[in-house]
Amino acid sequence: MNNLKQEHKVRVEENDLEIIGHSDGGYMTYHYQGKPFSGYMVIDYHENGDVMYEEEYREGEHMGWDNVYYENGQIERETLMYGATGLEFYKYDEEGNLLIGGKQVPDDIYDKIVAQNKLLD
């Protein structure tokens, strides 16, 4: 069973979302049940049915955590995304021990984007 990041957030399969257009950055934006989608789009599953890969969306736009899980349910990689920009990246072993990680952009840029978009909420 997955140890899903932010378990309290909605998870929806990609096929259940409606593409409504593109953001200013040119990325697809999504609606779910007639409203801009906020939550995780599940992209792929392991053979056992657990989530393998998911992307977080906020108000229809790709923004937040992209997560990859091992088949045993532990998180393998997590990347804090703002559109196509990775702000923060972490990789773990199958027992959940951190192997590498940290911020991918300068602190001032990171702090500004995270604060303006409340990405750590």
PDB file of N, CA and C in Angstrom:
ATOM      1  N   MET A   1       0.847  -1.188   0.000  1.00  0.00           N
ATOM      2  CA  MET A   1       0.000   0.000   0.000  1.00  0.00           C
ATOM      3  C   MET A   1       0.884   1.240   0.000  1.00  0.00           C
ATOM      4  N   ASN A   2       0.504   2.228  -0.821  1.00  0.00           N
ATOM      5  CA  ASN A   2       1.272   3.468  -0.915  1.00  0.00           C
ATOM      6  C   ASN A   2       1.237   4.269   0.389  1.00  0.00           C
ATOM      7  N   ASN A   3       2.360   4.905   0.659  1.00  0.00           N
ATOM      8  CA  ASN A   3       2.443   5.929   1.695  1.00  0.00           C
ATOM      9  C   ASN A   3       2.323   7.255   0.946  1.00  0.00           C
ATOM     10  N   LEU A   4       1.130   7.577   0.486  1.00  0.00           N
ATOM     11  CA  LEU A   4       0.933   8.714  -0.398  1.00  0.00           C
ATOM     12  C   LEU A   4       1.270  10.031   0.281  1.00  0.00           C
ATOM     13  N   LYS A   5       1.969  10.867  -0.446  1.00  0.00           N
ATOM     14  CA  LYS A   5       2.255  12.226   0.017  1.00  0.00           C
ATOM     15  C   LYS A   5       0.930  12.991   0.052  1.00  0.00           C
ATOM     16  N   GLN A   6       0.715  13.742   1.094  1.00  0.00           N
ATOM     17  CA  GLN A   6      -0.482  14.575   1.233  1.00  0.00           C
ATOM     18  C   GLN A   6      -1.755  13.748   0.977  1.00  0.00           C
ATOM     19  N   GLU A   7      -1.932  12.709   1.765  1.00  0.00           N
ATOM     20  CA  GLU A   7      -3.067  11.785   1.600  1.00  0.00           C
ATOM     21  C   GLU A   7      -4.426  12.480   1.591  1.00  0.00           C
ATOM     22  N   HIS A   8      -4.523  13.630   2.245  1.00  0.00           N
ATOM     23  CA  HIS A   8      -5.801  14.341   2.345  1.00  0.00           C
ATOM     24  C   HIS A   8      -6.243  14.986   1.029  1.00  0.00           C
ATOM     25  N   LYS A   9      -5.349  15.074   0.048  1.00  0.00           N
ATOM     26  CA  LYS A   9      -5.698  15.729  -1.214  1.00  0.00           C
ATOM     27  C   LYS A   9      -6.396  14.758  -2.158  1.00  0.00           C
ATOM     28  N   VAL A  10      -7.275  15.304  -2.991  1.00  0.00           N
ATOM     29  CA  VAL A  10      -8.024  14.537  -3.974  1.00  0.00           C
ATOM     30  C   VAL A  10      -7.061  13.920  -4.978  1.00  0.00           C
ATOM     31  N   ARG A  11      -7.350  12.672  -5.378  1.00  0.00           N
ATOM     32  CA  ARG A  11      -6.604  11.991  -6.428  1.00  0.00           C
ATOM     33  C   ARG A  11      -7.592  11.541  -7.496  1.00  0.00           C
ATOM     34  N   VAL A  12      -7.278  11.906  -8.746  1.00  0.00           N
ATOM     35  CA  VAL A  12      -8.171  11.642  -9.865  1.00  0.00           C
ATOM     36  C   VAL A  12      -7.331  11.095 -11.012  1.00  0.00           C
ATOM     37  N   GLU A  13      -7.884  10.133 -11.736  1.00  0.00           N
ATOM     38  CA  GLU A  13      -7.193   9.613 -12.909  1.00  0.00           C
ATOM     39  C   GLU A  13      -7.224  10.643 -14.026  1.00  0.00           C
ATOM     40  N   GLU A  14      -6.187  10.627 -14.826  1.00  0.00           N
ATOM     41  CA  GLU A  14      -6.050  11.587 -15.916  1.00  0.00           C
ATOM     42  C   GLU A  14      -7.282  11.591 -16.829  1.00  0.00           C
ATOM     43  N   ASN A  15      -7.840  10.425 -17.103  1.00  0.00           N
ATOM     44  CA  ASN A  15      -8.999  10.328 -17.997  1.00  0.00           C
ATOM     45  C   ASN A  15     -10.247  10.992 -17.435  1.00  0.00           C
ATOM     46  N   ASP A  16     -10.293  11.238 -16.135  1.00  0.00           N
ATOM     47  CA  ASP A  16     -11.455  11.863 -15.511  1.00  0.00           C
ATOM     48  C   ASP A  16     -11.384  13.390 -15.514  1.00  0.00           C
ATOM     49  N   LEU A  17     -10.305  13.934 -16.046  1.00  0.00           N
ATOM     50  CA  LEU A  17     -10.124  15.381 -16.104  1.00  0.00           C
ATOM     51  C   LEU A  17     -10.397  15.886 -17.516  1.00  0.00           C
ATOM     52  N   GLU A  18     -10.869  17.115 -17.589  1.00  0.00           N
ATOM     53  CA  GLU A  18     -11.169  17.745 -18.867  1.00  0.00           C
ATOM     54  C   GLU A  18     -10.117  18.820 -19.144  1.00  0.00           C
ATOM     55  N   ILE A  19      -9.494  18.744 -20.309  1.00  0.00           N
ATOM     56  CA  ILE A  19      -8.547  19.782 -20.726  1.00  0.00           C
ATOM     57  C   ILE A  19      -9.367  20.987 -21.155  1.00  0.00           C
ATOM     58  N   ILE A  20      -9.096  22.134 -20.523  1.00  0.00           N
ATOM     59  CA  ILE A  20      -9.899  23.319 -20.838  1.00  0.00           C
ATOM     60  C   ILE A  20      -9.121  24.404 -21.568  1.00  0.00           C
ATOM     61  N   GLY A  21      -7.830  24.228 -21.715  1.00  0.00           N
ATOM     62  CA  GLY A  21      -7.032  25.242 -22.394  1.00  0.00           C
ATOM     63  C   GLY A  21      -5.582  25.118 -21.985  1.00  0.00           C
ATOM     64  N   HIS A  22      -4.914  26.264 -22.076  1.00  0.00           N
ATOM     65  CA  HIS A  22      -3.496  26.324 -21.740  1.00  0.00           C
ATOM     66  C   HIS A  22      -3.236  27.533 -20.852  1.00  0.00           C
ATOM     67  N   SER A  23      -2.288  27.362 -19.944  1.00  0.00           N
ATOM     68  CA  SER A  23      -1.890  28.450 -19.058  1.00  0.00           C
ATOM     69  C   SER A  23      -1.060  29.460 -19.839  1.00  0.00           C
ATOM     70  N   ASP A  24      -0.711  30.562 -19.206  1.00  0.00           N
ATOM     71  CA  ASP A  24       0.134  31.575 -19.847  1.00  0.00           C
ATOM     72  C   ASP A  24       1.467  30.988 -20.282  1.00  0.00           C
ATOM     73  N   GLY A  25       1.932  29.963 -19.555  1.00  0.00           N
ATOM     74  CA  GLY A  25       3.192  29.306 -19.892  1.00  0.00           C
ATOM     75  C   GLY A  25       3.057  28.257 -20.986  1.00  0.00           C
ATOM     76  N   GLY A  26       1.844  28.035 -21.472  1.00  0.00           N
ATOM     77  CA  GLY A  26       1.639  27.089 -22.554  1.00  0.00           C
ATOM     78  C   GLY A  26       1.324  25.674 -22.109  1.00  0.00           C
ATOM     79  N   TYR A  27       1.104  25.467 -20.800  1.00  0.00           N
ATOM     80  CA  TYR A  27       0.814  24.132 -20.288  1.00  0.00           C
ATOM     81  C   TYR A  27      -0.688  23.908 -20.223  1.00  0.00           C
ATOM     82  N   MET A  28      -1.095  22.647 -20.424  1.00  0.00           N
ATOM     83  CA  MET A  28      -2.520  22.324 -20.367  1.00  0.00           C
ATOM     84  C   MET A  28      -3.087  22.639 -18.998  1.00  0.00           C
ATOM     85  N   THR A  29      -4.329  23.111 -18.986  1.00  0.00           N
ATOM     86  CA  THR A  29      -5.046  23.336 -17.735  1.00  0.00           C
ATOM     87  C   THR A  29      -6.258  22.410 -17.709  1.00  0.00           C
ATOM     88  N   TYR A  30      -6.637  21.989 -16.501  1.00  0.00           N
ATOM     89  CA  TYR A  30      -7.653  20.960 -16.348  1.00  0.00           C
ATOM     90  C   TYR A  30      -8.799  21.392 -15.442  1.00  0.00           C
ATOM     91  N   HIS A  31      -9.979  20.866 -15.756  1.00  0.00           N
ATOM     92  CA  HIS A  31     -11.157  20.985 -14.898  1.00  0.00           C
ATOM     93  C   HIS A  31     -11.559  19.591 -14.442  1.00  0.00           C
ATOM     94  N   TYR A  32     -12.162  19.540 -13.265  1.00  0.00           N
ATOM     95  CA  TYR A  32     -12.737  18.306 -12.732  1.00  0.00           C
ATOM     96  C   TYR A  32     -14.129  18.650 -12.224  1.00  0.00           C
ATOM     97  N   GLN A  33     -15.118  17.993 -12.745  1.00  0.00           N
ATOM     98  CA  GLN A  33     -16.516  18.227 -12.386  1.00  0.00           C
ATOM     99  C   GLN A  33     -16.887  19.704 -12.558  1.00  0.00           C
ATOM    100  N   GLY A  34     -16.415  20.289 -13.668  1.00  0.00           N
ATOM    101  CA  GLY A  34     -16.785  21.645 -14.028  1.00  0.00           C
ATOM    102  C   GLY A  34     -16.016  22.763 -13.345  1.00  0.00           C
ATOM    103  N   LYS A  35     -15.009  22.425 -12.532  1.00  0.00           N
ATOM    104  CA  LYS A  35     -14.228  23.446 -11.818  1.00  0.00           C
ATOM    105  C   LYS A  35     -12.743  23.207 -12.042  1.00  0.00           C
ATOM    106  N   PRO A  36     -11.925  24.296 -11.939  1.00  0.00           N
ATOM    107  CA  PRO A  36     -10.478  24.105 -12.057  1.00  0.00           C
ATOM    108  C   PRO A  36     -10.001  23.050 -11.048  1.00  0.00           C
ATOM    109  N   PHE A  37      -9.211  22.111 -11.531  1.00  0.00           N
ATOM    110  CA  PHE A  37      -8.790  20.972 -10.711  1.00  0.00           C
ATOM    111  C   PHE A  37      -7.672  21.332  -9.751  1.00  0.00           C
ATOM    112  N   SER A  38      -7.873  20.972  -8.492  1.00  0.00           N
ATOM    113  CA  SER A  38      -6.834  21.059  -7.466  1.00  0.00           C
ATOM    114  C   SER A  38      -6.745  19.695  -6.799  1.00  0.00           C
ATOM    115  N   GLY A  39      -5.568  19.111  -6.855  1.00  0.00           N
ATOM    116  CA  GLY A  39      -5.338  17.784  -6.295  1.00  0.00           C
ATOM    117  C   GLY A  39      -4.290  17.077  -7.126  1.00  0.00           C
ATOM    118  N   TYR A  40      -4.258  15.754  -7.017  1.00  0.00           N
ATOM    119  CA  TYR A  40      -3.278  14.961  -7.748  1.00  0.00           C
ATOM    120  C   TYR A  40      -3.912  14.253  -8.935  1.00  0.00           C
ATOM    121  N   MET A  41      -3.273  14.398 -10.106  1.00  0.00           N
ATOM    122  CA  MET A  41      -3.625  13.623 -11.283  1.00  0.00           C
ATOM    123  C   MET A  41      -2.768  12.360 -11.233  1.00  0.00           C
ATOM    124  N   VAL A  42      -3.414  11.200 -11.146  1.00  0.00           N
ATOM    125  CA  VAL A  42      -2.684   9.938 -11.136  1.00  0.00           C
ATOM    126  C   VAL A  42      -2.410   9.546 -12.580  1.00  0.00           C
ATOM    127  N   ILE A  43      -1.130   9.415 -12.907  1.00  0.00           N
ATOM    128  CA  ILE A  43      -0.698   9.140 -14.277  1.00  0.00           C
ATOM    129  C   ILE A  43      -0.513   7.643 -14.519  1.00  0.00           C
ATOM    130  N   ASP A  44       0.001   6.916 -13.508  1.00  0.00           N
ATOM    131  CA  ASP A  44       0.289   5.503 -13.709  1.00  0.00           C
ATOM    132  C   ASP A  44       0.199   4.750 -12.384  1.00  0.00           C
ATOM    133  N   TYR A  45      -0.068   3.442 -12.512  1.00  0.00           N
ATOM    134  CA  TYR A  45      -0.197   2.544 -11.356  1.00  0.00           C
ATOM    135  C   TYR A  45       0.768   1.370 -11.495  1.00  0.00           C
ATOM    136  N   HIS A  46       1.173   0.817 -10.358  1.00  0.00           N
ATOM    137  CA  HIS A  46       1.903  -0.443 -10.346  1.00  0.00           C
ATOM    138  C   HIS A  46       0.923  -1.574 -10.633  1.00  0.00           C
ATOM    139  N   GLU A  47       1.439  -2.747 -10.971  1.00  0.00           N
ATOM    140  CA  GLU A  47       0.581  -3.905 -11.244  1.00  0.00           C
ATOM    141  C   GLU A  47      -0.308  -4.258 -10.057  1.00  0.00           C
ATOM    142  N   ASN A  48       0.143  -3.945  -8.827  1.00  0.00           N
ATOM    143  CA  ASN A  48      -0.657  -4.256  -7.634  1.00  0.00           C
ATOM    144  C   ASN A  48      -1.777  -3.236  -7.387  1.00  0.00           C
ATOM    145  N   GLY A  49      -1.887  -2.224  -8.257  1.00  0.00           N
ATOM    146  CA  GLY A  49      -2.952  -1.230  -8.145  1.00  0.00           C
ATOM    147  C   GLY A  49      -2.576   0.024  -7.390  1.00  0.00           C
ATOM    148  N   ASP A  50      -1.407   0.050  -6.763  1.00  0.00           N
ATOM    149  CA  ASP A  50      -0.963   1.242  -6.043  1.00  0.00           C
ATOM    150  C   ASP A  50      -0.458   2.304  -7.022  1.00  0.00           C
ATOM    151  N   VAL A  51      -0.530   3.551  -6.590  1.00  0.00           N
ATOM    152  CA  VAL A  51      -0.052   4.664  -7.407  1.00  0.00           C
ATOM    153  C   VAL A  51       1.447   4.529  -7.657  1.00  0.00           C
ATOM    154  N   MET A  52       1.837   4.700  -8.926  1.00  0.00           N
ATOM    155  CA  MET A  52       3.250   4.709  -9.300  1.00  0.00           C
ATOM    156  C   MET A  52       3.729   6.145  -9.527  1.00  0.00           C
ATOM    157  N   TYR A  53       2.904   6.944 -10.244  1.00  0.00           N
ATOM    158  CA  TYR A  53       3.310   8.309 -10.585  1.00  0.00           C
ATOM    159  C   TYR A  53       2.095   9.221 -10.550  1.00  0.00           C
ATOM    160  N   GLU A  54       2.273  10.393  -9.939  1.00  0.00           N
ATOM    161  CA  GLU A  54       1.203  11.386  -9.842  1.00  0.00           C
ATOM    162  C   GLU A  54       1.787  12.784  -9.920  1.00  0.00           C
ATOM    163  N   GLU A  55       0.957  13.731 -10.390  1.00  0.00           N
ATOM    164  CA  GLU A  55       1.351  15.138 -10.480  1.00  0.00           C
ATOM    165  C   GLU A  55       0.300  15.982  -9.784  1.00  0.00           C
ATOM    166  N   GLU A  56       0.750  16.984  -9.045  1.00  0.00           N
ATOM    167  CA  GLU A  56      -0.177  17.871  -8.351  1.00  0.00           C
ATOM    168  C   GLU A  56      -0.567  19.054  -9.236  1.00  0.00           C
ATOM    169  N   TYR A  57      -1.856  19.422  -9.148  1.00  0.00           N
ATOM    170  CA  TYR A  57      -2.401  20.572  -9.867  1.00  0.00           C
ATOM    171  C   TYR A  57      -3.077  21.495  -8.875  1.00  0.00           C
ATOM    172  N   ARG A  58      -3.013  22.780  -9.167  1.00  0.00           N
ATOM    173  CA  ARG A  58      -3.676  23.807  -8.356  1.00  0.00           C
ATOM    174  C   ARG A  58      -4.428  24.736  -9.286  1.00  0.00           C
ATOM    175  N   GLU A  59      -5.724  24.853  -9.041  1.00  0.00           N
ATOM    176  CA  GLU A  59      -6.584  25.700  -9.876  1.00  0.00           C
ATOM    177  C   GLU A  59      -6.379  25.395 -11.363  1.00  0.00           C
ATOM    178  N   GLY A  60      -6.233  24.100 -11.678  1.00  0.00           N
ATOM    179  CA  GLY A  60      -6.130  23.651 -13.059  1.00  0.00           C
ATOM    180  C   GLY A  60      -4.744  23.596 -13.639  1.00  0.00           C
ATOM    181  N   GLU A  61      -3.752  24.166 -12.944  1.00  0.00           N
ATOM    182  CA  GLU A  61      -2.404  24.249 -13.491  1.00  0.00           C
ATOM    183  C   GLU A  61      -1.443  23.314 -12.759  1.00  0.00           C
ATOM    184  N   HIS A  62      -0.461  22.776 -13.515  1.00  0.00           N
ATOM    185  CA  HIS A  62       0.556  21.882 -12.959  1.00  0.00           C
ATOM    186  C   HIS A  62       1.455  22.683 -12.015  1.00  0.00           C
ATOM    187  N   MET A  63       1.237  22.439 -10.723  1.00  0.00           N
ATOM    188  CA  MET A  63       1.939  23.206  -9.713  1.00  0.00           C
ATOM    189  C   MET A  63       1.871  22.420  -8.408  1.00  0.00           C
ATOM    190  N   GLY A  64       3.022  22.125  -7.822  1.00  0.00           N
ATOM    191  CA  GLY A  64       3.067  21.346  -6.590  1.00  0.00           C
ATOM    192  C   GLY A  64       3.983  20.152  -6.769  1.00  0.00           C
ATOM    193  N   TRP A  65       3.653  19.047  -6.114  1.00  0.00           N
ATOM    194  CA  TRP A  65       4.540  17.887  -6.069  1.00  0.00           C
ATOM    195  C   TRP A  65       4.255  16.882  -7.186  1.00  0.00           C
ATOM    196  N   ASP A  66       5.325  16.423  -7.828  1.00  0.00           N
ATOM    197  CA  ASP A  66       5.290  15.248  -8.703  1.00  0.00           C
ATOM    198  C   ASP A  66       5.928  14.133  -7.896  1.00  0.00           C
ATOM    199  N   ASN A  67       5.232  13.008  -7.758  1.00  0.00           N
ATOM    200  CA  ASN A  67       5.704  11.919  -6.905  1.00  0.00           C
ATOM    201  C   ASN A  67       5.778  10.611  -7.666  1.00  0.00           C
ATOM    202  N   VAL A  68       6.863   9.879  -7.461  1.00  0.00           N
ATOM    203  CA  VAL A  68       7.038   8.534  -7.999  1.00  0.00           C
ATOM    204  C   VAL A  68       7.206   7.614  -6.805  1.00  0.00           C
ATOM    205  N   TYR A  69       6.479   6.477  -6.822  1.00  0.00           N
ATOM    206  CA  TYR A  69       6.495   5.536  -5.707  1.00  0.00           C
ATOM    207  C   TYR A  69       7.065   4.195  -6.137  1.00  0.00           C
ATOM    208  N   TYR A  70       7.807   3.565  -5.213  1.00  0.00           N
ATOM    209  CA  TYR A  70       8.236   2.184  -5.418  1.00  0.00           C
ATOM    210  C   TYR A  70       7.013   1.269  -5.325  1.00  0.00           C
ATOM    211  N   GLU A  71       7.157   0.050  -5.801  1.00  0.00           N
ATOM    212  CA  GLU A  71       6.055  -0.907  -5.738  1.00  0.00           C
ATOM    213  C   GLU A  71       5.684  -1.246  -4.300  1.00  0.00           C
ATOM    214  N   ASN A  72       6.644  -1.102  -3.359  1.00  0.00           N
ATOM    215  CA  ASN A  72       6.345  -1.382  -1.944  1.00  0.00           C
ATOM    216  C   ASN A  72       5.605  -0.230  -1.272  1.00  0.00           C
ATOM    217  N   GLY A  73       5.323   0.844  -2.024  1.00  0.00           N
ATOM    218  CA  GLY A  73       4.554   1.970  -1.494  1.00  0.00           C
ATOM    219  C   GLY A  73       5.389   3.141  -1.011  1.00  0.00           C
ATOM    220  N   GLN A  74       6.682   2.949  -0.818  1.00  0.00           N
ATOM    221  CA  GLN A  74       7.548   4.049  -0.382  1.00  0.00           C
ATOM    222  C   GLN A  74       7.740   5.034  -1.527  1.00  0.00           C
ATOM    223  N   ILE A  75       7.891   6.290  -1.161  1.00  0.00           N
ATOM    224  CA  ILE A  75       8.143   7.303  -2.184  1.00  0.00           C
ATOM    225  C   ILE A  75       9.578   7.134  -2.692  1.00  0.00           C
ATOM    226  N   GLU A  76       9.729   7.161  -4.012  1.00  0.00           N
ATOM    227  CA  GLU A  76      11.036   7.022  -4.650  1.00  0.00           C
ATOM    228  C   GLU A  76      11.636   8.392  -4.959  1.00  0.00           C
ATOM    229  N   ARG A  77      10.820   9.248  -5.592  1.00  0.00           N
ATOM    230  CA  ARG A  77      11.260  10.602  -5.940  1.00  0.00           C
ATOM    231  C   ARG A  77      10.106  11.553  -5.729  1.00  0.00           C
ATOM    232  N   GLU A  78      10.444  12.769  -5.320  1.00  0.00           N
ATOM    233  CA  GLU A  78       9.456  13.835  -5.228  1.00  0.00           C
ATOM    234  C   GLU A  78      10.105  15.120  -5.706  1.00  0.00           C
ATOM    235  N   THR A  79       9.355  15.838  -6.546  1.00  0.00           N
ATOM    236  CA  THR A  79       9.867  17.074  -7.116  1.00  0.00           C
ATOM    237  C   THR A  79       8.805  18.149  -6.953  1.00  0.00           C
ATOM    238  N   LEU A  80       9.167  19.263  -6.352  1.00  0.00           N
ATOM    239  CA  LEU A  80       8.256  20.394  -6.243  1.00  0.00           C
ATOM    240  C   LEU A  80       8.336  21.175  -7.542  1.00  0.00           C
ATOM    241  N   MET A  81       7.197  21.210  -8.267  1.00  0.00           N
ATOM    242  CA  MET A  81       7.165  21.779  -9.611  1.00  0.00           C
ATOM    243  C   MET A  81       6.397  23.097  -9.639  1.00  0.00           C
ATOM    244  N   TYR A  82       6.834  23.968 -10.519  1.00  0.00           N
ATOM    245  CA  TYR A  82       6.100  25.177 -10.870  1.00  0.00           C
ATOM    246  C   TYR A  82       6.076  25.193 -12.388  1.00  0.00           C
ATOM    247  N   GLY A  83       4.993  24.672 -12.994  1.00  0.00           N
ATOM    248  CA  GLY A  83       4.968  24.449 -14.437  1.00  0.00           C
ATOM    249  C   GLY A  83       5.985  23.382 -14.782  1.00  0.00           C
ATOM    250  N   ALA A  84       6.938  23.714 -15.645  1.00  0.00           N
ATOM    251  CA  ALA A  84       7.977  22.761 -16.034  1.00  0.00           C
ATOM    252  C   ALA A  84       9.255  22.935 -15.217  1.00  0.00           C
ATOM    253  N   THR A  85       9.252  23.831 -14.248  1.00  0.00           N
ATOM    254  CA  THR A  85      10.448  24.116 -13.457  1.00  0.00           C
ATOM    255  C   THR A  85      10.437  23.329 -12.164  1.00  0.00           C
ATOM    256  N   GLY A  86      11.482  22.539 -11.963  1.00  0.00           N
ATOM    257  CA  GLY A  86      11.659  21.825 -10.705  1.00  0.00           C
ATOM    258  C   GLY A  86      12.308  22.750  -9.688  1.00  0.00           C
ATOM    259  N   LEU A  87      11.614  22.985  -8.579  1.00  0.00           N
ATOM    260  CA  LEU A  87      12.137  23.879  -7.545  1.00  0.00           C
ATOM    261  C   LEU A  87      12.925  23.130  -6.472  1.00  0.00           C
ATOM    262  N   GLU A  88      12.519  21.889  -6.235  1.00  0.00           N
ATOM    263  CA  GLU A  88      13.083  21.087  -5.158  1.00  0.00           C
ATOM    264  C   GLU A  88      12.978  19.623  -5.583  1.00  0.00           C
ATOM    265  N   PHE A  89      13.993  18.804  -5.285  1.00  0.00           N
ATOM    266  CA  PHE A  89      13.998  17.407  -5.714  1.00  0.00           C
ATOM    267  C   PHE A  89      14.604  16.539  -4.610  1.00  0.00           C
ATOM    268  N   TYR A  90      13.978  15.360  -4.394  1.00  0.00           N
ATOM    269  CA  TYR A  90      14.487  14.395  -3.410  1.00  0.00           C
ATOM    270  C   TYR A  90      14.347  12.991  -3.978  1.00  0.00           C
ATOM    271  N   LYS A  91      15.338  12.150  -3.724  1.00  0.00           N
ATOM    272  CA  LYS A  91      15.305  10.733  -4.114  1.00  0.00           C
ATOM    273  C   LYS A  91      15.579   9.902  -2.867  1.00  0.00           C
ATOM    274  N   TYR A  92      14.793   8.797  -2.724  1.00  0.00           N
ATOM    275  CA  TYR A  92      14.868   7.929  -1.556  1.00  0.00           C
ATOM    276  C   TYR A  92      15.117   6.487  -1.982  1.00  0.00           C
ATOM    277  N   ASP A  93      15.669   5.686  -1.050  1.00  0.00           N
ATOM    278  CA  ASP A  93      15.774   4.252  -1.325  1.00  0.00           C
ATOM    279  C   ASP A  93      14.449   3.576  -0.969  1.00  0.00           C
ATOM    280  N   GLU A  94      14.361   2.269  -1.182  1.00  0.00           N
ATOM    281  CA  GLU A  94      13.098   1.559  -0.981  1.00  0.00           C
ATOM    282  C   GLU A  94      12.654   1.486   0.478  1.00  0.00           C
ATOM    283  N   GLU A  95      13.546   1.825   1.403  1.00  0.00           N
ATOM    284  CA  GLU A  95      13.174   1.865   2.820  1.00  0.00           C
ATOM    285  C   GLU A  95      12.778   3.271   3.275  1.00  0.00           C
ATOM    286  N   GLY A  96      12.859   4.249   2.367  1.00  0.00           N
ATOM    287  CA  GLY A  96      12.461   5.614   2.694  1.00  0.00           C
ATOM    288  C   GLY A  96      13.595   6.501   3.160  1.00  0.00           C
ATOM    289  N   ASN A  97      14.836   6.039   3.036  1.00  0.00           N
ATOM    290  CA  ASN A  97      15.993   6.843   3.431  1.00  0.00           C
ATOM    291  C   ASN A  97      16.380   7.801   2.307  1.00  0.00           C
ATOM    292  N   LEU A  98      16.599   9.059   2.656  1.00  0.00           N
ATOM    293  CA  LEU A  98      16.977  10.083   1.678  1.00  0.00           C
ATOM    294  C   LEU A  98      18.352   9.768   1.095  1.00  0.00           C
ATOM    295  N   LEU A  99      18.438   9.749  -0.234  1.00  0.00           N
ATOM    296  CA  LEU A  99      19.715   9.517  -0.924  1.00  0.00           C
ATOM    297  C   LEU A  99      20.330  10.832  -1.378  1.00  0.00           C
ATOM    298  N   ILE A 100      19.527  11.668  -2.042  1.00  0.00           N
ATOM    299  CA  ILE A 100      19.985  12.977  -2.505  1.00  0.00           C
ATOM    300  C   ILE A 100      18.797  13.924  -2.493  1.00  0.00           C
ATOM    301  N   GLY A 101      19.092  15.214  -2.527  1.00  0.00           N
ATOM    302  CA  GLY A 101      17.999  16.160  -2.655  1.00  0.00           C
ATOM    303  C   GLY A 101      18.339  17.545  -2.202  1.00  0.00           C
ATOM    304  N   GLY A 102      17.456  18.458  -2.565  1.00  0.00           N
ATOM    305  CA  GLY A 102      17.594  19.838  -2.166  1.00  0.00           C
ATOM    306  C   GLY A 102      16.950  20.763  -3.183  1.00  0.00           C
ATOM    307  N   LYS A 103      17.147  22.043  -2.986  1.00  0.00           N
ATOM    308  CA  LYS A 103      16.582  23.054  -3.890  1.00  0.00           C
ATOM    309  C   LYS A 103      17.332  23.023  -5.211  1.00  0.00           C
ATOM    310  N   GLN A 104      16.581  23.305  -6.276  1.00  0.00           N
ATOM    311  CA  GLN A 104      17.138  23.300  -7.626  1.00  0.00           C
ATOM    312  C   GLN A 104      17.283  24.698  -8.212  1.00  0.00           C
ATOM    313  N   VAL A 105      16.836  25.699  -7.486  1.00  0.00           N
ATOM    314  CA  VAL A 105      16.910  27.095  -7.932  1.00  0.00           C
ATOM    315  C   VAL A 105      17.453  27.928  -6.775  1.00  0.00           C
ATOM    316  N   PRO A 106      17.946  29.146  -7.060  1.00  0.00           N
ATOM    317  CA  PRO A 106      18.440  30.014  -5.983  1.00  0.00           C
ATOM    318  C   PRO A 106      17.359  30.297  -4.938  1.00  0.00           C
ATOM    319  N   ASP A 107      17.777  30.498  -3.696  1.00  0.00           N
ATOM    320  CA  ASP A 107      16.855  30.706  -2.577  1.00  0.00           C
ATOM    321  C   ASP A 107      15.858  31.831  -2.814  1.00  0.00           C
ATOM    322  N   ASP A 108      16.293  32.958  -3.386  1.00  0.00           N
ATOM    323  CA  ASP A 108      15.371  34.080  -3.564  1.00  0.00           C
ATOM    324  C   ASP A 108      14.253  33.734  -4.546  1.00  0.00           C
ATOM    325  N   ILE A 109      14.575  33.038  -5.613  1.00  0.00           N
ATOM    326  CA  ILE A 109      13.556  32.617  -6.583  1.00  0.00           C
ATOM    327  C   ILE A 109      12.630  31.585  -5.942  1.00  0.00           C
ATOM    328  N   TYR A 110      13.209  30.608  -5.262  1.00  0.00           N
ATOM    329  CA  TYR A 110      12.432  29.571  -4.578  1.00  0.00           C
ATOM    330  C   TYR A 110      11.448  30.202  -3.595  1.00  0.00           C
ATOM    331  N   ASP A 111      11.960  31.053  -2.727  1.00  0.00           N
ATOM    332  CA  ASP A 111      11.116  31.673  -1.692  1.00  0.00           C
ATOM    333  C   ASP A 111       9.974  32.478  -2.301  1.00  0.00           C
ATOM    334  N   LYS A 112      10.248  33.217  -3.362  1.00  0.00           N
ATOM    335  CA  LYS A 112       9.224  34.037  -4.003  1.00  0.00           C
ATOM    336  C   LYS A 112       8.128  33.175  -4.624  1.00  0.00           C
ATOM    337  N   ILE A 113       8.506  32.157  -5.415  1.00  0.00           N
ATOM    338  CA  ILE A 113       7.518  31.304  -6.073  1.00  0.00           C
ATOM    339  C   ILE A 113       6.703  30.508  -5.062  1.00  0.00           C
ATOM    340  N   VAL A 114       7.360  29.949  -4.060  1.00  0.00           N
ATOM    341  CA  VAL A 114       6.666  29.149  -3.053  1.00  0.00           C
ATOM    342  C   VAL A 114       5.685  29.999  -2.267  1.00  0.00           C
ATOM    343  N   ALA A 115       6.110  31.206  -1.872  1.00  0.00           N
ATOM    344  CA  ALA A 115       5.227  32.090  -1.100  1.00  0.00           C
ATOM    345  C   ALA A 115       4.032  32.578  -1.935  1.00  0.00           C
ATOM    346  N   GLN A 116       4.294  33.023  -3.155  1.00  0.00           N
ATOM    347  CA  GLN A 116       3.199  33.545  -4.006  1.00  0.00           C
ATOM    348  C   GLN A 116       2.157  32.487  -4.326  1.00  0.00           C
ATOM    349  N   ASN A 117       2.580  31.244  -4.456  1.00  0.00           N
ATOM    350  CA  ASN A 117       1.665  30.177  -4.876  1.00  0.00           C
ATOM    351  C   ASN A 117       1.296  29.212  -3.759  1.00  0.00           C
ATOM    352  N   LYS A 118       1.782  29.494  -2.538  1.00  0.00           N
ATOM    353  CA  LYS A 118       1.484  28.657  -1.369  1.00  0.00           C
ATOM    354  C   LYS A 118       1.737  27.183  -1.663  1.00  0.00           C
ATOM    355  N   LEU A 119       2.900  26.890  -2.249  1.00  0.00           N
ATOM    356  CA  LEU A 119       3.194  25.550  -2.724  1.00  0.00           C
ATOM    357  C   LEU A 119       3.446  24.529  -1.623  1.00  0.00           C
ATOM    358  N   LEU A 120       3.724  24.967  -0.429  1.00  0.00           N
ATOM    359  CA  LEU A 120       3.990  24.005   0.652  1.00  0.00           C
ATOM    360  C   LEU A 120       2.772  23.789   1.535  1.00  0.00           C
ATOM    361  N   ASP A 121       1.606  24.315   1.135  1.00  0.00           N
ATOM    362  CA  ASP A 121       0.370  24.101   1.891  1.00  0.00           C
ATOM    363  C   ASP A 121      -0.161  22.698   1.662  1.00  0.00           C
TER     364      ASP A 121
END
